[in-house]
N, C-alpha and C. Protein backbone atom coordinates (compact mmCIF):
# COMPACT_ATOMS: atom_id res chain seq x y z
N UNK A 1 0.84 -1.19 0.00
CA UNK A 1 0.00 0.00 0.00
C UNK A 1 0.89 1.25 0.00
N UNK A 2 0.57 2.19 -0.89
CA UNK A 2 1.37 3.42 -0.98
C UNK A 2 0.93 4.42 0.07
N UNK A 3 1.88 5.20 0.53
CA UNK A 3 1.60 6.26 1.48
C UNK A 3 0.76 7.33 0.79
N UNK A 4 -0.39 7.66 1.33
CA UNK A 4 -1.28 8.64 0.71
C UNK A 4 -0.66 10.02 0.63
N UNK A 5 0.14 10.41 1.62
CA UNK A 5 0.78 11.72 1.59
C UNK A 5 1.75 11.83 0.43
N UNK A 6 2.51 10.77 0.18
CA UNK A 6 3.45 10.79 -0.94
C UNK A 6 2.71 10.84 -2.26
N UNK A 7 1.69 10.01 -2.41
CA UNK A 7 0.93 9.95 -3.64
C UNK A 7 0.20 11.26 -3.91
N UNK A 8 -0.36 11.87 -2.89
CA UNK A 8 -1.15 13.09 -3.06
C UNK A 8 -0.30 14.26 -3.53
N UNK A 9 1.00 14.27 -3.20
CA UNK A 9 1.84 15.41 -3.54
C UNK A 9 2.71 15.15 -4.76
N UNK A 10 2.58 14.00 -5.38
CA UNK A 10 3.40 13.67 -6.54
C UNK A 10 2.54 13.77 -7.79
N UNK A 11 2.82 14.78 -8.60
CA UNK A 11 2.08 14.93 -9.85
C UNK A 11 2.62 13.93 -10.87
N UNK A 12 1.75 13.39 -11.71
CA UNK A 12 2.24 12.47 -12.73
C UNK A 12 3.16 13.20 -13.70
N UNK A 13 4.18 12.53 -14.14
CA UNK A 13 5.12 13.14 -15.09
C UNK A 13 4.61 12.90 -16.50
N UNK A 14 4.70 13.96 -17.30
CA UNK A 14 4.25 13.88 -18.69
C UNK A 14 5.40 14.17 -19.61
N UNK A 15 5.33 13.60 -20.79
CA UNK A 15 6.26 13.93 -21.86
C UNK A 15 5.52 14.80 -22.85
N UNK A 16 6.16 15.91 -23.25
CA UNK A 16 5.50 16.83 -24.16
C UNK A 16 6.33 17.00 -25.43
N UNK A 17 5.65 17.31 -26.52
CA UNK A 17 6.32 17.48 -27.80
C UNK A 17 6.52 18.96 -28.10
N UNK A 18 7.23 19.23 -29.16
CA UNK A 18 7.64 20.59 -29.51
C UNK A 18 6.51 21.62 -29.49
N UNK A 19 5.35 21.36 -30.10
CA UNK A 19 4.30 22.39 -30.06
C UNK A 19 3.91 22.81 -28.64
N UNK A 20 3.89 21.86 -27.71
CA UNK A 20 3.55 22.17 -26.33
C UNK A 20 4.70 22.94 -25.66
N UNK A 21 5.94 22.56 -25.94
CA UNK A 21 7.09 23.29 -25.40
C UNK A 21 7.03 24.74 -25.88
N UNK A 22 6.74 24.94 -27.15
CA UNK A 22 6.64 26.29 -27.70
C UNK A 22 5.50 27.06 -27.03
N UNK A 23 4.37 26.41 -26.84
CA UNK A 23 3.22 27.08 -26.23
C UNK A 23 3.55 27.48 -24.78
N UNK A 24 4.17 26.58 -24.03
CA UNK A 24 4.48 26.87 -22.63
C UNK A 24 5.52 27.97 -22.46
N UNK A 25 6.53 27.98 -23.35
CA UNK A 25 7.63 28.93 -23.20
C UNK A 25 7.44 30.22 -23.98
N UNK A 26 6.64 30.18 -25.02
CA UNK A 26 6.50 31.34 -25.90
C UNK A 26 7.68 31.49 -26.85
N UNK A 27 8.51 30.46 -26.92
CA UNK A 27 9.69 30.50 -27.79
C UNK A 27 9.44 29.73 -29.08
N UNK A 28 10.19 30.11 -30.10
CA UNK A 28 10.12 29.40 -31.37
C UNK A 28 11.05 28.20 -31.38
N UNK A 29 10.85 27.32 -32.34
CA UNK A 29 11.63 26.09 -32.48
C UNK A 29 13.13 26.39 -32.55
N UNK A 30 13.53 27.33 -33.39
CA UNK A 30 14.95 27.64 -33.56
C UNK A 30 15.56 28.14 -32.25
N UNK A 31 14.86 29.00 -31.55
CA UNK A 31 15.36 29.52 -30.28
C UNK A 31 15.52 28.40 -29.25
N UNK A 32 14.56 27.50 -29.19
CA UNK A 32 14.64 26.38 -28.26
C UNK A 32 15.88 25.55 -28.54
N UNK A 33 16.13 25.22 -29.80
CA UNK A 33 17.30 24.41 -30.13
C UNK A 33 18.61 25.17 -29.89
N UNK A 34 18.61 26.48 -30.09
CA UNK A 34 19.80 27.27 -29.77
C UNK A 34 20.08 27.25 -28.27
N UNK A 35 19.03 27.35 -27.46
CA UNK A 35 19.20 27.29 -26.00
C UNK A 35 19.67 25.91 -25.56
N UNK A 36 19.19 24.87 -26.20
CA UNK A 36 19.66 23.51 -25.89
C UNK A 36 21.14 23.41 -26.21
N UNK A 37 21.54 23.89 -27.39
CA UNK A 37 22.95 23.85 -27.78
C UNK A 37 23.83 24.64 -26.81
N UNK A 38 23.29 25.73 -26.27
CA UNK A 38 24.03 26.55 -25.31
C UNK A 38 24.04 25.94 -23.91
N UNK A 39 23.25 24.88 -23.71
CA UNK A 39 23.19 24.24 -22.40
C UNK A 39 22.30 24.95 -21.40
N UNK A 40 21.41 25.80 -21.88
CA UNK A 40 20.56 26.56 -20.96
C UNK A 40 19.09 26.16 -21.01
N UNK A 41 18.77 25.11 -21.76
CA UNK A 41 17.39 24.63 -21.85
C UNK A 41 17.44 23.11 -21.77
N UNK A 42 16.43 22.47 -21.18
CA UNK A 42 16.44 21.02 -21.06
C UNK A 42 16.56 20.32 -22.42
N UNK A 43 17.36 19.26 -22.46
CA UNK A 43 17.53 18.47 -23.67
C UNK A 43 16.32 17.60 -23.94
N UNK A 44 16.04 17.45 -25.21
CA UNK A 44 14.97 16.57 -25.63
C UNK A 44 15.40 15.11 -25.52
N UNK A 45 14.42 14.20 -25.45
CA UNK A 45 14.67 12.77 -25.44
C UNK A 45 14.07 12.16 -26.69
N UNK A 46 14.82 11.33 -27.35
CA UNK A 46 14.34 10.66 -28.55
C UNK A 46 13.62 9.38 -28.13
N UNK A 47 12.33 9.28 -28.43
CA UNK A 47 11.56 8.10 -28.03
C UNK A 47 11.30 7.14 -29.19
N UNK A 48 11.39 7.64 -30.40
CA UNK A 48 11.35 6.81 -31.61
C UNK A 48 12.29 7.48 -32.60
N UNK A 49 12.56 6.84 -33.73
CA UNK A 49 13.46 7.49 -34.70
C UNK A 49 12.98 8.87 -35.17
N UNK A 50 11.69 9.14 -35.06
CA UNK A 50 11.17 10.41 -35.57
C UNK A 50 10.48 11.29 -34.54
N UNK A 51 10.47 10.86 -33.28
CA UNK A 51 9.75 11.62 -32.24
C UNK A 51 10.69 11.97 -31.09
N UNK A 52 10.71 13.27 -30.75
CA UNK A 52 11.44 13.72 -29.56
C UNK A 52 10.45 14.36 -28.60
N UNK A 53 10.76 14.24 -27.31
CA UNK A 53 9.89 14.78 -26.26
C UNK A 53 10.74 15.42 -25.18
N UNK A 54 10.09 16.22 -24.35
CA UNK A 54 10.71 16.83 -23.18
C UNK A 54 9.90 16.43 -21.97
N UNK A 55 10.56 16.13 -20.85
CA UNK A 55 9.80 15.95 -19.61
C UNK A 55 9.18 17.30 -19.21
N UNK A 56 7.89 17.32 -19.02
CA UNK A 56 7.19 18.57 -18.73
C UNK A 56 7.74 19.24 -17.47
N UNK A 57 8.12 18.46 -16.45
CA UNK A 57 8.61 19.05 -15.21
C UNK A 57 9.94 19.77 -15.43
N UNK A 58 10.76 19.32 -16.39
CA UNK A 58 12.02 20.02 -16.68
C UNK A 58 11.76 21.35 -17.38
N UNK A 59 10.80 21.38 -18.28
CA UNK A 59 10.44 22.63 -18.96
C UNK A 59 9.83 23.60 -17.94
N UNK A 60 8.98 23.08 -17.05
CA UNK A 60 8.37 23.93 -16.02
C UNK A 60 9.44 24.51 -15.08
N UNK A 61 10.45 23.71 -14.75
CA UNK A 61 11.53 24.21 -13.88
C UNK A 61 12.32 25.30 -14.60
N UNK A 62 12.55 25.14 -15.89
CA UNK A 62 13.25 26.17 -16.67
C UNK A 62 12.44 27.47 -16.67
N UNK A 63 11.14 27.35 -16.88
CA UNK A 63 10.27 28.53 -16.86
C UNK A 63 10.34 29.22 -15.50
N UNK A 64 10.30 28.45 -14.42
CA UNK A 64 10.37 29.02 -13.07
C UNK A 64 11.69 29.77 -12.88
N UNK A 65 12.80 29.21 -13.37
CA UNK A 65 14.10 29.89 -13.24
C UNK A 65 14.10 31.21 -14.02
N UNK A 66 13.51 31.21 -15.20
CA UNK A 66 13.44 32.44 -16.00
C UNK A 66 12.60 33.48 -15.27
N UNK A 67 11.46 33.06 -14.73
CA UNK A 67 10.60 34.01 -14.02
C UNK A 67 11.26 34.54 -12.76
N UNK A 68 12.13 33.73 -12.15
CA UNK A 68 12.87 34.18 -10.97
C UNK A 68 14.10 34.99 -11.34
N UNK A 69 14.36 35.11 -12.64
CA UNK A 69 15.51 35.87 -13.08
C UNK A 69 16.81 35.10 -13.06
N UNK A 70 16.72 33.77 -13.00
CA UNK A 70 17.94 32.95 -12.95
C UNK A 70 17.91 31.91 -14.07
N UNK A 71 18.63 32.18 -15.14
CA UNK A 71 18.78 31.15 -16.16
C UNK A 71 20.08 30.43 -15.88
N UNK A 72 20.24 29.25 -16.43
CA UNK A 72 21.45 28.46 -16.17
C UNK A 72 22.70 29.21 -16.62
N UNK A 73 22.63 29.92 -17.74
CA UNK A 73 23.78 30.67 -18.22
C UNK A 73 24.18 31.77 -17.25
N UNK A 74 23.20 32.44 -16.64
CA UNK A 74 23.50 33.48 -15.68
C UNK A 74 24.11 32.89 -14.42
N UNK A 75 23.68 31.70 -14.02
CA UNK A 75 24.22 31.06 -12.83
C UNK A 75 25.69 30.71 -13.03
N UNK A 76 26.07 30.25 -14.23
CA UNK A 76 27.46 29.90 -14.49
C UNK A 76 28.35 31.14 -14.50
N UNK A 77 27.80 32.25 -15.00
CA UNK A 77 28.61 33.47 -15.10
C UNK A 77 28.82 34.12 -13.74
N UNK A 78 27.93 33.86 -12.80
CA UNK A 78 28.01 34.50 -11.47
C UNK A 78 29.12 33.93 -10.63
């Protein structure tokens, strides 16, 4: 039996595709891939030869850092 407190506070993890990443971030495809290349945006995962996805919680964490004024690139420079 699972602990109800643990289960109640754990959101299911989702994998999202590029259109959803773009919608959540407001960024275009090219910008997203440039940020990935720069190491400042979560890397995509290849799930089939033609499909890539991002863990939604990683994209949400990136958005939170941007809203807090802390991107990964700024943290390295500090």
